[in-house]
Amino acid sequence: MERHRFDVAIIGAGPAGLMAALHIPAGPTAVVLEKGARPGRKLLLTGAGQCNLTAAGDIGDFEHCYGDHGRWLRPALRNLSNRDLITFFERRGVAFSCTPEGKYFPKSLRSAEIVETLLADLRRRGIALHRDRPVERIGVVDDRFVVHGGGDIYEAAAIIIATGGKSYPQTGSTGDGQRLATALGHTIVPLKAALAPVTPAEHPLAPLAGNSCEEALLTVMRDGKKVHAAAGPLLITHTGFSGPLILDNARRMEPGDTLCLAFATVRREEFLRDLIDASRGRGAIAVKNIVKDAGLTKNLREALIRHAGIDPDGRAAELTRDRFAALADAFCAFAITIKTLGGFETAMATSGGVALTEVDPKTMMSKLVPGLFFAGEVLDIDGDTGGYNLQAAFSTGALAGRSVLLPRPV
């Protein structure tokens, strides 16, 4: 067993922890304690290994992408904006491209380039990185923190916990930070898989796996009441539904909820009227041809017609008012019941974590324990797909690092 003394100890070598270390003002000694042998393992998986680092647009517009917690994140996002983040890496030799959807990727399309850049900067700054140091507990003795990790003991005047959530546990994200925070007196909002796909109780569209809808509407119903509504791209999978519309709104869903999907983004009554108008005076036209303008793939259109109990090749003249109504329901009110939401093994992010009411958003310091800071997904924050979770991790990490030496409140 060895005993180490540092001014600052950062727990977790993910995006939040590494960015925190690199924003500590020059002078104090610092160490990053990494649970495993390889830093940034989860970062290496982001964007299917290509690293969707952040998104384009004004940083003020990012707030709505974090559910109810965007306003709390405002100081961190403005402290290190999306433009600041891109500039940080560009100054270190990383080139970026932006997709038409506004997603920033390194031109190399290698998440490893981002991790390598952060680690190289860590070495230049002379900041220690101790691998294979899972932290078992943190104590406080005479206003200093005592960290027990990997058989060694670390003393520090300040601690930054940046251990992530519980998604992709194979990368080391297993809720350690929340456990440590609880032991230090903090409240934990229950952890839940976020950015997770949906598995319905019945999946009549399973044969359509791979089909997508560029702009679908979603309504979440619970106990007969509408609890949420959203619009966005939808993807049909072998097991259920995914795509940004589902992933970004999974935080609002629970097993047992009814999801009402509108593949045609017009009001049901308008869609029904258009169907009837399209068939008026054209009785011989095939049913599949009166929905051609719905903006969906041929396979999806015909599958929805069959779901309504109608032959796509049948004649429009054979449709009764009830049959037209069934078609409108299939295209504009396709109802499924959620059996399960994707678990931590498949979810891209974690909802829940250290309660934000107990953390100062202007510094990331605990309101309960002076000198204790939090950054990244260990906090009760989760964002939409498209780089928003990484932006939050980097922004909160940078703010924690910059604040770590500020005078403690009396």
Protein backbone atom coordinates (compact mmCIF):
# COMPACT_ATOMS: atom_id res chain seq x y z
CA MET A 1 0.00 0.00 0.00
CA GLU A 2 1.29 3.43 -0.98
CA ARG A 3 0.20 6.82 0.34
CA HIS A 4 0.01 9.77 -2.07
CA ARG A 5 -0.61 13.47 -1.48
CA PHE A 6 -2.07 15.75 -4.17
CA ASP A 7 -3.89 19.04 -4.16
CA VAL A 8 -6.69 17.67 -6.36
CA ALA A 9 -7.87 14.13 -7.08
CA ILE A 10 -10.18 13.44 -10.01
CA ILE A 11 -12.07 10.15 -9.91
CA GLY A 12 -12.79 8.90 -13.41
CA ALA A 13 -10.83 9.27 -16.65
CA GLY A 14 -13.75 9.81 -18.99
CA PRO A 15 -14.54 13.03 -20.89
CA ALA A 16 -15.68 14.91 -17.77
CA GLY A 17 -12.76 13.81 -15.62
CA LEU A 18 -10.07 14.43 -18.22
CA MET A 19 -11.48 17.84 -19.15
CA ALA A 20 -11.67 18.76 -15.46
CA ALA A 21 -8.02 17.86 -14.99
CA LEU A 22 -6.99 19.96 -17.99
CA HIS A 23 -8.83 23.04 -16.68
CA ILE A 24 -7.32 23.10 -13.21
CA PRO A 25 -5.27 26.31 -12.97
CA ALA A 26 -1.51 25.82 -13.24
CA GLY A 27 0.34 25.22 -10.00
CA PRO A 28 -1.43 22.65 -7.83
CA THR A 29 -0.66 18.95 -8.14
CA ALA A 30 -3.39 16.70 -9.48
CA VAL A 31 -4.03 13.01 -10.10
CA VAL A 32 -6.68 11.24 -12.17
CA LEU A 33 -7.75 7.89 -10.75
CA GLU A 34 -9.09 5.50 -13.39
CA LYS A 35 -10.96 2.37 -12.39
CA GLY A 36 -9.70 0.29 -15.32
CA ALA A 37 -6.58 -0.09 -17.37
CA ARG A 38 -7.80 2.00 -20.30
CA PRO A 39 -8.99 5.61 -19.93
CA GLY A 40 -11.95 6.88 -21.94
CA ARG A 41 -13.44 3.49 -22.75
CA LYS A 42 -16.99 4.77 -23.05
CA LEU A 43 -15.83 7.79 -25.06
CA LEU A 44 -14.28 5.36 -27.54
CA LEU A 45 -17.76 3.93 -28.24
CA THR A 46 -19.56 7.21 -28.86
CA GLY A 47 -21.02 7.77 -32.29
CA ALA A 48 -20.38 4.13 -33.18
CA GLY A 49 -16.69 4.74 -32.57
CA GLN A 50 -16.65 7.92 -34.66
CA CYS A 51 -17.33 10.37 -31.79
CA ASN A 52 -20.19 12.79 -32.33
CA LEU A 53 -18.48 15.39 -30.15
CA THR A 54 -21.12 18.11 -30.10
CA ALA A 55 -23.73 19.86 -32.21
CA ALA A 56 -23.86 23.05 -34.25
CA GLY A 57 -25.96 26.06 -33.32
CA ASP A 58 -26.13 28.67 -30.60
CA ILE A 59 -25.23 27.27 -27.18
CA GLY A 60 -28.32 28.97 -25.76
CA ASP A 61 -30.45 26.65 -27.88
CA PHE A 62 -28.89 23.58 -26.26
CA GLU A 63 -30.79 23.95 -23.01
CA HIS A 64 -34.02 22.40 -24.27
CA CYS A 65 -32.07 19.24 -25.19
CA TYR A 66 -31.62 18.30 -21.52
CA GLY A 67 -35.23 17.85 -20.46
CA ASP A 68 -36.01 19.71 -17.25
CA HIS A 69 -32.35 20.33 -16.40
CA GLY A 70 -31.21 22.54 -19.26
CA ARG A 71 -31.48 25.74 -17.26
CA TRP A 72 -29.37 24.27 -14.44
CA LEU A 73 -26.68 23.49 -17.01
CA ARG A 74 -26.63 27.03 -18.39
CA PRO A 75 -23.50 28.26 -16.48
CA ALA A 76 -21.50 25.19 -17.52
CA LEU A 77 -22.59 25.36 -21.17
CA ARG A 78 -21.70 29.03 -21.38
CA ASN A 79 -18.40 28.43 -19.58
CA LEU A 80 -17.38 25.93 -22.28
CA SER A 81 -19.68 26.24 -25.30
CA ASN A 82 -19.83 23.98 -28.33
CA ARG A 83 -17.65 26.45 -30.21
CA ASP A 84 -15.18 26.54 -27.31
CA LEU A 85 -15.05 22.75 -27.30
CA ILE A 86 -14.31 22.52 -31.02
CA THR A 87 -11.63 25.23 -30.67
CA PHE A 88 -10.06 23.37 -27.73
CA PHE A 89 -9.43 20.33 -29.91
CA GLU A 90 -8.60 22.26 -33.10
CA ARG A 91 -5.77 24.00 -31.25
CA ARG A 92 -4.42 20.56 -30.47
CA GLY A 93 -4.47 19.46 -34.09
CA VAL A 94 -7.86 17.77 -34.43
CA ALA A 95 -9.81 18.64 -37.58
CA PHE A 96 -13.60 18.44 -37.65
CA SER A 97 -16.45 18.11 -40.10
CA CYS A 98 -20.10 18.96 -39.56
CA THR A 99 -22.90 16.87 -41.06
CA PRO A 100 -25.97 18.46 -42.69
CA GLU A 101 -27.84 17.58 -39.47
CA GLY A 102 -25.40 19.71 -37.47
CA LYS A 103 -23.34 16.95 -35.84
CA TYR A 104 -19.62 17.51 -35.32
CA PHE A 105 -17.24 14.58 -35.86
CA PRO A 106 -13.44 14.47 -36.06
CA LYS A 107 -12.53 14.19 -39.73
CA SER A 108 -10.66 11.00 -38.92
CA LEU A 109 -13.97 9.52 -37.68
CA ARG A 110 -11.97 8.03 -34.80
CA SER A 111 -13.09 8.46 -31.22
CA ALA A 112 -9.59 7.32 -30.30
CA GLU A 113 -8.20 10.59 -31.70
CA ILE A 114 -10.18 12.55 -29.09
CA VAL A 115 -9.01 10.29 -26.25
CA GLU A 116 -5.40 10.39 -27.45
CA THR A 117 -5.50 14.18 -27.63
CA LEU A 118 -6.78 14.48 -24.06
CA LEU A 119 -4.18 12.05 -22.73
CA ALA A 120 -1.36 13.81 -24.58
CA ASP A 121 -2.43 17.10 -23.01
CA LEU A 122 -2.56 15.43 -19.62
CA ARG A 123 1.06 14.34 -20.03
CA ARG A 124 2.14 17.83 -21.16
CA ARG A 125 0.53 19.31 -18.08
CA GLY A 126 2.33 16.83 -15.84
CA ILE A 127 -0.92 15.55 -14.37
CA ALA A 128 -0.62 12.04 -12.98
CA LEU A 129 -2.87 9.29 -14.30
CA HIS A 130 -3.12 6.22 -12.07
CA ARG A 131 -4.83 3.29 -13.77
CA ASP A 132 -6.45 0.25 -12.16
CA ARG A 133 -7.49 2.35 -9.16
CA PRO A 134 -11.16 1.59 -8.40
CA VAL A 135 -12.17 3.85 -5.53
CA GLU A 136 -13.75 1.96 -2.65
CA ARG A 137 -14.47 4.86 -0.31
CA ILE A 138 -13.76 8.50 0.46
CA GLY A 139 -13.28 9.89 3.96
CA VAL A 140 -12.75 13.41 5.30
CA VAL A 141 -10.03 14.01 7.88
CA ASP A 142 -9.02 17.52 9.03
CA ASP A 143 -10.55 19.20 5.97
CA ARG A 144 -8.73 16.86 3.59
CA PHE A 145 -10.17 14.00 1.61
CA VAL A 146 -8.78 10.51 2.03
CA VAL A 147 -9.44 8.33 -1.00
CA HIS A 148 -8.99 4.57 -0.86
CA GLY A 149 -8.40 3.28 -4.38
CA GLY A 150 -6.82 0.12 -5.73
CA GLY A 151 -5.07 -0.64 -2.48
CA ASP A 152 -3.47 2.81 -2.25
CA ILE A 153 -4.46 5.88 -0.24
CA TYR A 154 -4.70 9.36 -1.74
CA GLU A 155 -4.95 12.55 0.27
CA ALA A 156 -6.27 15.67 -1.46
CA ALA A 157 -7.65 19.07 -0.58
CA ALA A 158 -10.31 18.80 -3.29
CA ILE A 159 -12.08 15.94 -5.07
CA ILE A 160 -13.86 15.85 -8.42
CA ILE A 161 -16.12 12.83 -8.91
CA ALA A 162 -16.59 12.18 -12.63
CA THR A 163 -17.34 8.47 -12.79
CA GLY A 164 -20.31 8.57 -15.20
CA GLY A 165 -23.60 6.73 -14.86
CA LYS A 166 -24.48 3.05 -15.38
CA SER A 167 -24.95 2.76 -19.14
CA TYR A 168 -22.53 0.45 -20.96
CA PRO A 169 -21.33 -1.13 -17.69
CA GLN A 170 -18.73 -3.12 -19.63
CA THR A 171 -16.78 0.15 -19.91
CA GLY A 172 -16.62 0.53 -16.13
CA SER A 173 -19.71 2.72 -15.66
CA THR A 174 -21.39 0.89 -12.80
CA GLY A 175 -22.72 3.65 -10.56
CA ASP A 176 -19.60 3.99 -8.41
CA GLY A 177 -19.82 7.77 -8.20
CA GLN A 178 -23.40 7.70 -7.00
CA ARG A 179 -22.40 5.23 -4.29
CA LEU A 180 -19.52 7.46 -3.18
CA ALA A 181 -21.78 10.53 -3.22
CA THR A 182 -24.36 8.77 -1.07
CA ALA A 183 -21.71 7.92 1.52
CA LEU A 184 -20.79 11.62 1.62
CA GLY A 185 -24.38 12.61 2.36
CA HIS A 186 -25.77 13.33 -1.09
CA THR A 187 -29.20 12.40 -2.42
CA ILE A 188 -29.33 10.25 -5.56
CA VAL A 189 -32.20 10.54 -8.01
CA PRO A 190 -32.90 6.89 -8.98
CA LEU A 191 -30.87 5.80 -11.99
CA LYS A 192 -32.69 4.86 -15.18
CA ALA A 193 -31.52 3.94 -18.66
CA ALA A 194 -31.81 6.93 -21.01
CA LEU A 195 -31.54 7.16 -24.80
CA ALA A 196 -33.01 3.67 -24.81
CA PRO A 197 -35.02 1.84 -27.49
CA VAL A 198 -38.57 0.59 -26.88
CA THR A 199 -39.79 -3.00 -27.03
CA PRO A 200 -43.59 -3.21 -27.41
CA ALA A 201 -45.80 -5.94 -26.02
CA GLU A 202 -46.76 -6.74 -29.63
CA HIS A 203 -44.76 -5.73 -32.69
CA PRO A 204 -46.78 -6.10 -35.91
CA LEU A 205 -44.22 -4.02 -37.83
CA ALA A 206 -41.27 -6.30 -37.03
CA PRO A 207 -40.98 -7.43 -40.69
CA LEU A 208 -40.38 -3.74 -41.53
CA ALA A 209 -37.14 -3.56 -39.49
CA GLY A 210 -34.81 -1.00 -41.02
CA ASN A 211 -37.58 1.22 -42.35
CA SER A 212 -37.53 4.77 -41.01
CA CYS A 213 -39.76 7.80 -40.96
CA GLU A 214 -38.02 11.17 -41.19
CA GLU A 215 -40.67 13.04 -39.22
CA ALA A 216 -43.07 11.11 -37.03
CA LEU A 217 -45.14 12.26 -34.06
CA LEU A 218 -45.17 10.59 -30.66
CA THR A 219 -47.68 10.87 -27.82
CA VAL A 220 -47.02 9.13 -24.50
CA MET A 221 -50.20 8.08 -22.66
CA ARG A 222 -50.26 6.87 -19.06
CA ASP A 223 -53.43 5.79 -17.29
CA GLY A 224 -55.44 7.35 -20.08
CA LYS A 225 -53.73 10.74 -19.79
CA LYS A 226 -51.30 12.43 -22.15
CA VAL A 227 -47.96 12.93 -20.38
CA HIS A 228 -45.68 13.91 -23.26
CA ALA A 229 -45.59 14.62 -27.00
CA ALA A 230 -42.72 15.06 -29.44
CA ALA A 231 -41.72 14.89 -33.11
CA GLY A 232 -38.65 13.57 -34.89
CA PRO A 233 -37.09 10.73 -36.90
CA LEU A 234 -38.33 7.22 -36.06
CA LEU A 235 -36.66 3.87 -36.80
CA ILE A 236 -38.37 0.48 -36.82
CA THR A 237 -36.16 -2.32 -35.47
CA HIS A 238 -36.53 -6.10 -35.21
CA THR A 239 -37.51 -5.79 -31.57
CA GLY A 240 -39.39 -2.48 -31.53
CA PHE A 241 -38.74 1.19 -32.16
CA SER A 242 -35.69 3.45 -31.95
CA GLY A 243 -34.30 6.54 -33.66
CA PRO A 244 -34.02 10.04 -32.17
CA LEU A 245 -37.78 10.32 -31.57
CA ILE A 246 -37.72 7.32 -29.22
CA LEU A 247 -34.23 7.70 -27.76
CA ASP A 248 -34.55 11.40 -26.92
CA ASN A 249 -37.89 10.89 -25.20
CA ALA A 250 -37.22 7.60 -23.39
CA ARG A 251 -36.70 9.59 -20.18
CA ARG A 252 -40.43 10.36 -20.32
CA MET A 253 -41.56 6.75 -20.76
CA GLU A 254 -42.27 3.81 -18.48
CA PRO A 255 -43.19 0.16 -19.11
CA GLY A 256 -46.95 -0.07 -19.47
CA ASP A 257 -47.28 3.32 -21.16
CA THR A 258 -49.14 3.51 -24.46
CA LEU A 259 -47.24 5.13 -27.32
CA CYS A 260 -49.38 6.64 -30.04
CA LEU A 261 -47.30 7.00 -33.22
CA ALA A 262 -48.29 9.18 -36.15
CA PHE A 263 -46.33 8.19 -39.24
CA ALA A 264 -48.18 10.82 -41.26
CA THR A 265 -47.60 14.19 -39.62
CA VAL A 266 -51.00 15.70 -40.22
CA ARG A 267 -53.97 15.63 -37.89
CA ARG A 268 -55.96 12.42 -38.10
CA GLU A 269 -59.10 14.26 -39.23
CA GLU A 270 -57.18 15.97 -42.02
CA PHE A 271 -55.62 12.68 -43.12
CA LEU A 272 -59.05 11.03 -43.17
CA ARG A 273 -60.53 13.86 -45.24
CA ASP A 274 -57.63 13.66 -47.72
CA LEU A 275 -58.12 9.89 -48.10
CA ILE A 276 -61.77 10.31 -48.92
CA ASP A 277 -61.05 13.19 -51.33
CA ALA A 278 -58.31 11.17 -53.07
CA SER A 279 -60.71 8.31 -53.73
CA ARG A 280 -63.74 10.37 -54.73
CA GLY A 281 -64.63 9.68 -58.34
CA ARG A 282 -61.74 7.18 -58.60
CA GLY A 283 -63.34 4.02 -57.26
CA ALA A 284 -61.08 1.75 -59.30
CA ILE A 285 -57.87 3.15 -57.80
CA ALA A 286 -55.94 0.74 -55.53
CA VAL A 287 -55.98 1.59 -51.83
CA LYS A 288 -52.17 1.63 -51.77
CA ASN A 289 -52.22 4.49 -54.29
CA ILE A 290 -54.39 6.84 -52.28
CA VAL A 291 -51.72 7.01 -49.52
CA LYS A 292 -48.76 7.60 -51.82
CA ASP A 293 -48.33 11.15 -50.58
CA ALA A 294 -47.89 10.11 -46.94
CA GLY A 295 -44.11 10.45 -47.26
CA LEU A 296 -43.35 6.86 -46.20
CA THR A 297 -41.60 3.95 -47.87
CA LYS A 298 -43.77 1.70 -50.03
CA ASN A 299 -43.23 -1.24 -47.65
CA LEU A 300 -44.27 0.79 -44.61
CA ARG A 301 -47.34 2.23 -46.35
CA GLU A 302 -48.55 -1.21 -47.35
CA ALA A 303 -47.81 -2.69 -43.91
CA LEU A 304 -49.91 0.02 -42.27
CA ILE A 305 -52.75 -0.63 -44.72
CA ARG A 306 -52.66 -4.33 -43.81
CA HIS A 307 -52.56 -3.42 -40.12
CA ALA A 308 -55.86 -1.65 -40.72
CA GLY A 309 -57.24 -4.94 -42.02
CA ILE A 310 -57.34 -3.80 -45.64
CA ASP A 311 -55.86 -5.29 -48.82
CA PRO A 312 -53.41 -2.74 -50.31
CA ASP A 313 -54.40 -3.91 -53.81
CA GLY A 314 -58.11 -3.65 -53.12
CA ARG A 315 -60.19 -0.92 -54.74
CA ALA A 316 -60.93 2.33 -52.97
CA ALA A 317 -64.62 1.94 -53.92
CA GLU A 318 -64.80 -1.03 -51.53
CA LEU A 319 -63.88 1.07 -48.49
CA THR A 320 -66.62 1.99 -46.07
CA ARG A 321 -66.43 5.01 -43.77
CA ASP A 322 -65.23 2.68 -40.99
CA ARG A 323 -62.48 1.30 -43.22
CA PHE A 324 -61.29 4.82 -44.07
CA ALA A 325 -61.25 5.57 -40.32
CA ALA A 326 -59.17 2.42 -39.67
CA LEU A 327 -56.66 3.60 -42.28
CA ALA A 328 -56.44 7.01 -40.61
CA ASP A 329 -55.84 5.31 -37.25
CA ALA A 330 -53.04 3.14 -38.67
CA PHE A 331 -51.20 6.09 -40.22
CA CYS A 332 -51.91 8.74 -37.56
CA ALA A 333 -52.66 6.89 -34.31
CA PHE A 334 -50.67 3.65 -34.33
CA ALA A 335 -50.87 2.52 -30.70
CA ILE A 336 -48.43 0.19 -28.94
CA THR A 337 -47.93 -0.70 -25.29
CA ILE A 338 -44.38 -0.53 -23.93
CA LYS A 339 -43.24 -3.90 -22.64
CA THR A 340 -39.70 -2.82 -21.79
CA LEU A 341 -37.27 0.02 -22.34
CA GLY A 342 -33.67 -0.79 -23.20
CA GLY A 343 -31.54 -1.50 -20.13
CA PHE A 344 -28.17 -0.10 -19.11
CA GLU A 345 -26.43 -2.61 -21.38
CA THR A 346 -27.86 -0.94 -24.50
CA ALA A 347 -28.79 2.57 -23.33
CA MET A 348 -26.49 5.38 -24.46
CA ALA A 349 -26.89 7.45 -21.30
CA THR A 350 -28.13 7.39 -17.72
CA SER A 351 -30.99 9.41 -16.32
CA GLY A 352 -30.81 10.21 -12.61
CA GLY A 353 -27.75 10.71 -10.41
CA VAL A 354 -26.56 13.21 -7.83
CA ALA A 355 -29.45 15.59 -7.10
CA LEU A 356 -28.84 18.95 -8.76
CA THR A 357 -30.36 20.84 -5.83
CA GLU A 358 -27.30 19.80 -3.82
CA VAL A 359 -24.72 21.07 -6.33
CA ASP A 360 -23.86 24.69 -7.20
CA PRO A 361 -24.36 25.05 -10.98
CA LYS A 362 -21.92 27.98 -11.10
CA THR A 363 -18.99 25.91 -9.77
CA MET A 364 -20.07 22.23 -9.74
CA MET A 365 -19.17 22.14 -6.03
CA SER A 366 -21.28 20.26 -3.51
CA LYS A 367 -23.48 22.44 -1.32
CA LEU A 368 -23.06 19.85 1.43
CA VAL A 369 -19.33 19.06 1.42
CA PRO A 370 -16.88 21.93 0.71
CA GLY A 371 -14.16 20.89 -1.70
CA LEU A 372 -16.22 18.11 -3.27
CA PHE A 373 -17.11 18.61 -6.95
CA PHE A 374 -19.10 16.64 -9.50
CA ALA A 375 -18.92 16.54 -13.30
CA GLY A 376 -20.57 14.65 -16.12
CA GLU A 377 -23.08 11.84 -16.04
CA VAL A 378 -22.68 11.17 -12.32
CA LEU A 379 -25.06 14.13 -12.00
CA ASP A 380 -28.80 13.95 -12.64
CA ILE A 381 -28.47 15.19 -16.22
CA ASP A 382 -28.98 13.49 -19.57
CA GLY A 383 -29.32 14.97 -23.03
CA ASP A 384 -30.68 14.14 -26.45
CA THR A 385 -28.77 12.25 -29.08
CA GLY A 386 -26.47 14.24 -31.35
CA GLY A 387 -23.51 15.13 -29.12
CA TYR A 388 -25.40 16.81 -26.27
CA ASN A 389 -24.32 14.34 -23.58
CA LEU A 390 -20.65 14.70 -24.47
CA GLN A 391 -21.01 18.48 -24.53
CA ALA A 392 -22.50 18.39 -21.02
CA ALA A 393 -19.70 16.13 -19.78
CA PHE A 394 -16.97 18.36 -21.18
CA SER A 395 -18.69 21.58 -20.04
CA THR A 396 -19.33 20.46 -16.47
CA GLY A 397 -15.83 18.99 -16.28
CA ALA A 398 -14.21 22.22 -17.44
CA LEU A 399 -16.24 24.26 -14.94
CA ALA A 400 -15.38 21.94 -12.05
CA GLY A 401 -11.68 22.11 -12.95
CA ARG A 402 -11.68 25.90 -13.16
CA SER A 403 -13.55 26.20 -9.87
CA VAL A 404 -11.61 23.70 -7.80
CA LEU A 405 -9.28 26.29 -6.24
CA LEU A 406 -11.85 29.03 -5.64
CA PRO A 407 -12.27 30.12 -2.01
CA ARG A 408 -14.69 27.88 -0.13
CA PRO A 409 -17.92 29.47 1.07
CA VAL A 410 -17.86 30.30 4.77
